[in-house]
Amino acid sequence: MLKAQTQTSAAYLHARVNGRIRQCLLDSGADVSLIPSQLVSDDKITPDERRLLAANNTTIHIYGQTSMPLTVGKQRLSAPSQP
């Protein structure tokens, strides 16, 4: 007998962003990384006119772009992202 799967199949990883541990969705098919605008200071956002589309072809509205450091495990990275 097979047991019903109760957990999501989405892949999340824990990363330190702005000094706090956050759950980040790992999307290997994404062209860009996105971060909620409330996690980025307004003075760190530069304008960006790109039009982003979700997998279902709906528009994703962005405020601009930024680059911020993040840590995954012991790995320190700089991630360009669109808030």
N, C-alpha and C. Protein backbone atom coordinates (compact mmCIF):
# COMPACT_ATOMS: atom_id res chain seq x y z
N MET A 1 0.84 -1.17 0.00
CA MET A 1 0.00 0.00 0.00
C MET A 1 0.89 1.23 0.00
N LEU A 2 0.58 2.20 -0.86
CA LEU A 2 1.35 3.44 -0.95
C LEU A 2 0.74 4.47 -0.01
N LYS A 3 1.62 5.20 0.64
CA LYS A 3 1.18 6.25 1.55
C LYS A 3 1.04 7.55 0.76
N ALA A 4 -0.01 8.30 1.00
CA ALA A 4 -0.22 9.58 0.32
C ALA A 4 0.87 10.57 0.73
N GLN A 5 1.36 11.30 -0.24
CA GLN A 5 2.38 12.30 0.06
C GLN A 5 1.71 13.52 0.67
N THR A 6 2.17 13.93 1.86
CA THR A 6 1.56 15.06 2.54
C THR A 6 2.43 16.30 2.50
N GLN A 7 3.69 16.16 2.11
CA GLN A 7 4.58 17.31 2.06
C GLN A 7 4.66 17.84 0.64
N THR A 8 4.97 19.13 0.54
CA THR A 8 5.13 19.74 -0.77
C THR A 8 6.42 19.25 -1.42
N SER A 9 6.45 19.26 -2.74
CA SER A 9 7.66 18.84 -3.43
C SER A 9 8.56 20.03 -3.75
N ALA A 10 8.17 21.23 -3.34
CA ALA A 10 9.00 22.41 -3.57
C ALA A 10 10.30 22.30 -2.77
N ALA A 11 11.37 22.80 -3.33
CA ALA A 11 12.68 22.72 -2.69
C ALA A 11 13.01 24.08 -2.04
N TYR A 12 13.03 24.10 -0.73
CA TYR A 12 13.39 25.31 0.01
C TYR A 12 14.74 25.11 0.65
N LEU A 13 15.51 26.19 0.73
CA LEU A 13 16.75 26.14 1.47
C LEU A 13 16.76 27.30 2.44
N HIS A 14 17.49 27.12 3.52
CA HIS A 14 17.61 28.17 4.53
C HIS A 14 18.82 29.03 4.17
N ALA A 15 18.59 30.34 4.09
CA ALA A 15 19.68 31.27 3.76
C ALA A 15 19.60 32.46 4.71
N ARG A 16 20.76 33.00 5.03
CA ARG A 16 20.80 34.21 5.86
C ARG A 16 20.76 35.41 4.92
N VAL A 17 19.70 36.21 5.03
CA VAL A 17 19.50 37.41 4.22
C VAL A 17 19.33 38.58 5.17
N ASN A 18 20.16 39.60 5.03
CA ASN A 18 20.11 40.75 5.94
C ASN A 18 20.19 40.34 7.40
N GLY A 19 21.01 39.33 7.68
CA GLY A 19 21.23 38.91 9.06
C GLY A 19 20.19 37.97 9.63
N ARG A 20 19.14 37.66 8.87
CA ARG A 20 18.09 36.76 9.37
C ARG A 20 17.98 35.54 8.48
N ILE A 21 17.69 34.39 9.10
CA ILE A 21 17.49 33.16 8.35
C ILE A 21 16.12 33.21 7.68
N ARG A 22 16.10 32.96 6.38
CA ARG A 22 14.86 32.97 5.60
C ARG A 22 14.75 31.65 4.84
N GLN A 23 13.52 31.23 4.56
CA GLN A 23 13.32 30.08 3.69
C GLN A 23 13.25 30.61 2.27
N CYS A 24 14.09 30.10 1.40
CA CYS A 24 14.16 30.54 0.01
C CYS A 24 13.78 29.39 -0.90
N LEU A 25 12.89 29.67 -1.83
CA LEU A 25 12.48 28.66 -2.80
C LEU A 25 13.56 28.53 -3.86
N LEU A 26 14.05 27.34 -4.04
CA LEU A 26 15.05 27.07 -5.06
C LEU A 26 14.33 26.71 -6.36
N ASP A 27 14.47 27.57 -7.35
CA ASP A 27 13.80 27.37 -8.64
C ASP A 27 14.86 27.32 -9.73
N SER A 28 15.26 26.14 -10.09
CA SER A 28 16.35 25.98 -11.06
C SER A 28 15.95 26.44 -12.46
N GLY A 29 14.66 26.64 -12.71
CA GLY A 29 14.21 27.08 -14.02
C GLY A 29 14.04 28.59 -14.12
N ALA A 30 14.26 29.31 -13.03
CA ALA A 30 14.06 30.76 -13.03
C ALA A 30 15.22 31.48 -13.71
N ASP A 31 14.90 32.55 -14.43
CA ASP A 31 15.93 33.36 -15.07
C ASP A 31 16.51 34.40 -14.11
N VAL A 32 15.74 34.81 -13.11
CA VAL A 32 16.17 35.81 -12.14
C VAL A 32 15.77 35.37 -10.74
N SER A 33 16.37 35.99 -9.74
CA SER A 33 15.98 35.76 -8.35
C SER A 33 15.11 36.93 -7.91
N LEU A 34 14.08 36.64 -7.14
CA LEU A 34 13.18 37.67 -6.63
C LEU A 34 13.23 37.69 -5.12
N ILE A 35 13.06 38.89 -4.55
CA ILE A 35 13.03 39.04 -3.11
C ILE A 35 11.95 40.06 -2.77
N PRO A 36 11.22 39.86 -1.68
CA PRO A 36 10.18 40.83 -1.30
C PRO A 36 10.79 42.22 -1.08
N SER A 37 10.11 43.24 -1.55
CA SER A 37 10.65 44.60 -1.48
C SER A 37 10.86 45.07 -0.05
N GLN A 38 10.10 44.54 0.91
CA GLN A 38 10.26 44.99 2.30
C GLN A 38 11.59 44.52 2.90
N LEU A 39 12.30 43.64 2.23
CA LEU A 39 13.61 43.19 2.71
C LEU A 39 14.76 44.02 2.14
N VAL A 40 14.45 45.01 1.31
CA VAL A 40 15.48 45.82 0.65
C VAL A 40 15.23 47.29 0.94
N SER A 41 16.27 48.02 1.35
CA SER A 41 16.17 49.46 1.55
C SER A 41 15.92 50.15 0.22
N ASP A 42 15.06 51.16 0.21
CA ASP A 42 14.74 51.88 -1.03
C ASP A 42 15.98 52.42 -1.72
N ASP A 43 16.98 52.88 -0.94
CA ASP A 43 18.18 53.46 -1.55
C ASP A 43 19.09 52.41 -2.18
N LYS A 44 18.79 51.13 -1.99
CA LYS A 44 19.57 50.05 -2.59
C LYS A 44 18.94 49.52 -3.88
N ILE A 45 17.78 50.06 -4.25
CA ILE A 45 17.07 49.60 -5.45
C ILE A 45 17.36 50.55 -6.61
N THR A 46 17.80 49.99 -7.73
CA THR A 46 18.02 50.78 -8.94
C THR A 46 16.92 50.42 -9.95
N PRO A 47 16.50 51.40 -10.75
CA PRO A 47 15.42 51.14 -11.71
C PRO A 47 15.76 50.01 -12.67
N ASP A 48 14.75 49.30 -13.08
CA ASP A 48 14.89 48.20 -14.04
C ASP A 48 13.59 48.11 -14.82
N GLU A 49 13.68 48.18 -16.12
CA GLU A 49 12.49 48.20 -16.97
C GLU A 49 12.11 46.82 -17.52
N ARG A 50 12.80 45.77 -17.07
CA ARG A 50 12.47 44.43 -17.57
C ARG A 50 11.04 44.05 -17.24
N ARG A 51 10.45 43.27 -18.12
CA ARG A 51 9.12 42.73 -17.90
C ARG A 51 9.29 41.26 -17.55
N LEU A 52 8.88 40.89 -16.36
CA LEU A 52 9.02 39.51 -15.91
C LEU A 52 7.69 38.79 -16.02
N LEU A 53 7.76 37.53 -16.44
CA LEU A 53 6.57 36.71 -16.56
C LEU A 53 6.70 35.46 -15.69
N ALA A 54 5.61 35.11 -15.03
CA ALA A 54 5.56 33.88 -14.24
C ALA A 54 5.35 32.70 -15.19
N ALA A 55 5.44 31.50 -14.65
CA ALA A 55 5.27 30.29 -15.45
C ALA A 55 3.90 30.23 -16.12
N ASN A 56 2.89 30.86 -15.49
CA ASN A 56 1.55 30.86 -16.07
C ASN A 56 1.31 32.06 -16.98
N ASN A 57 2.39 32.75 -17.34
CA ASN A 57 2.38 33.87 -18.28
C ASN A 57 1.77 35.16 -17.72
N THR A 58 1.60 35.27 -16.40
CA THR A 58 1.14 36.52 -15.81
C THR A 58 2.35 37.40 -15.52
N THR A 59 2.13 38.70 -15.53
CA THR A 59 3.21 39.67 -15.30
C THR A 59 3.56 39.72 -13.82
N ILE A 60 4.86 39.75 -13.53
CA ILE A 60 5.36 39.95 -12.18
C ILE A 60 5.87 41.39 -12.12
N HIS A 61 5.25 42.22 -11.28
CA HIS A 61 5.65 43.62 -11.17
C HIS A 61 6.84 43.74 -10.22
N ILE A 62 7.86 44.46 -10.66
CA ILE A 62 9.05 44.65 -9.83
C ILE A 62 9.28 46.14 -9.64
N TYR A 63 9.99 46.49 -8.56
CA TYR A 63 10.34 47.88 -8.27
C TYR A 63 11.68 48.26 -8.86
N GLY A 64 12.53 47.28 -9.14
CA GLY A 64 13.86 47.54 -9.67
C GLY A 64 14.74 46.35 -9.41
N GLN A 65 16.05 46.62 -9.30
CA GLN A 65 16.99 45.53 -9.04
C GLN A 65 17.96 45.94 -7.95
N THR A 66 18.57 44.95 -7.36
CA THR A 66 19.56 45.17 -6.31
C THR A 66 20.51 43.98 -6.29
N SER A 67 21.56 44.09 -5.55
CA SER A 67 22.46 42.96 -5.32
C SER A 67 22.70 42.91 -3.82
N MET A 68 22.53 41.74 -3.25
CA MET A 68 22.69 41.64 -1.80
C MET A 68 23.40 40.35 -1.43
N PRO A 69 24.15 40.41 -0.33
CA PRO A 69 24.85 39.21 0.12
C PRO A 69 23.87 38.25 0.80
N LEU A 70 24.13 36.97 0.65
CA LEU A 70 23.38 35.97 1.39
C LEU A 70 24.30 34.82 1.69
N THR A 71 23.96 34.08 2.73
CA THR A 71 24.78 32.95 3.17
C THR A 71 23.92 31.70 3.20
N VAL A 72 24.39 30.66 2.55
CA VAL A 72 23.73 29.36 2.57
C VAL A 72 24.73 28.39 3.17
N GLY A 73 24.43 27.88 4.36
CA GLY A 73 25.41 27.06 5.08
C GLY A 73 26.63 27.91 5.38
N LYS A 74 27.79 27.49 4.92
CA LYS A 74 29.02 28.27 5.10
C LYS A 74 29.41 29.03 3.84
N GLN A 75 28.58 28.94 2.81
CA GLN A 75 28.86 29.58 1.52
C GLN A 75 28.30 31.00 1.52
N ARG A 76 29.16 31.99 1.27
CA ARG A 76 28.72 33.39 1.16
C ARG A 76 28.60 33.73 -0.31
N LEU A 77 27.46 34.29 -0.70
CA LEU A 77 27.16 34.60 -2.09
C LEU A 77 26.68 36.03 -2.20
N SER A 78 26.75 36.58 -3.39
CA SER A 78 26.12 37.85 -3.69
C SER A 78 25.07 37.57 -4.76
N ALA A 79 23.85 37.91 -4.45
CA ALA A 79 22.76 37.56 -5.36
C ALA A 79 22.14 38.80 -5.96
N PRO A 80 22.26 38.96 -7.28
CA PRO A 80 21.47 40.02 -7.90
C PRO A 80 20.01 39.59 -7.86
N SER A 81 19.12 40.51 -7.53
CA SER A 81 17.70 40.14 -7.40
C SER A 81 16.80 41.31 -7.75
N GLN A 82 15.58 41.03 -8.08
CA GLN A 82 14.58 42.03 -8.41
C GLN A 82 13.57 42.10 -7.27
N PRO A 83 13.51 43.25 -6.53
CA PRO A 83 12.52 43.39 -5.47
C PRO A 83 11.16 43.79 -6.01
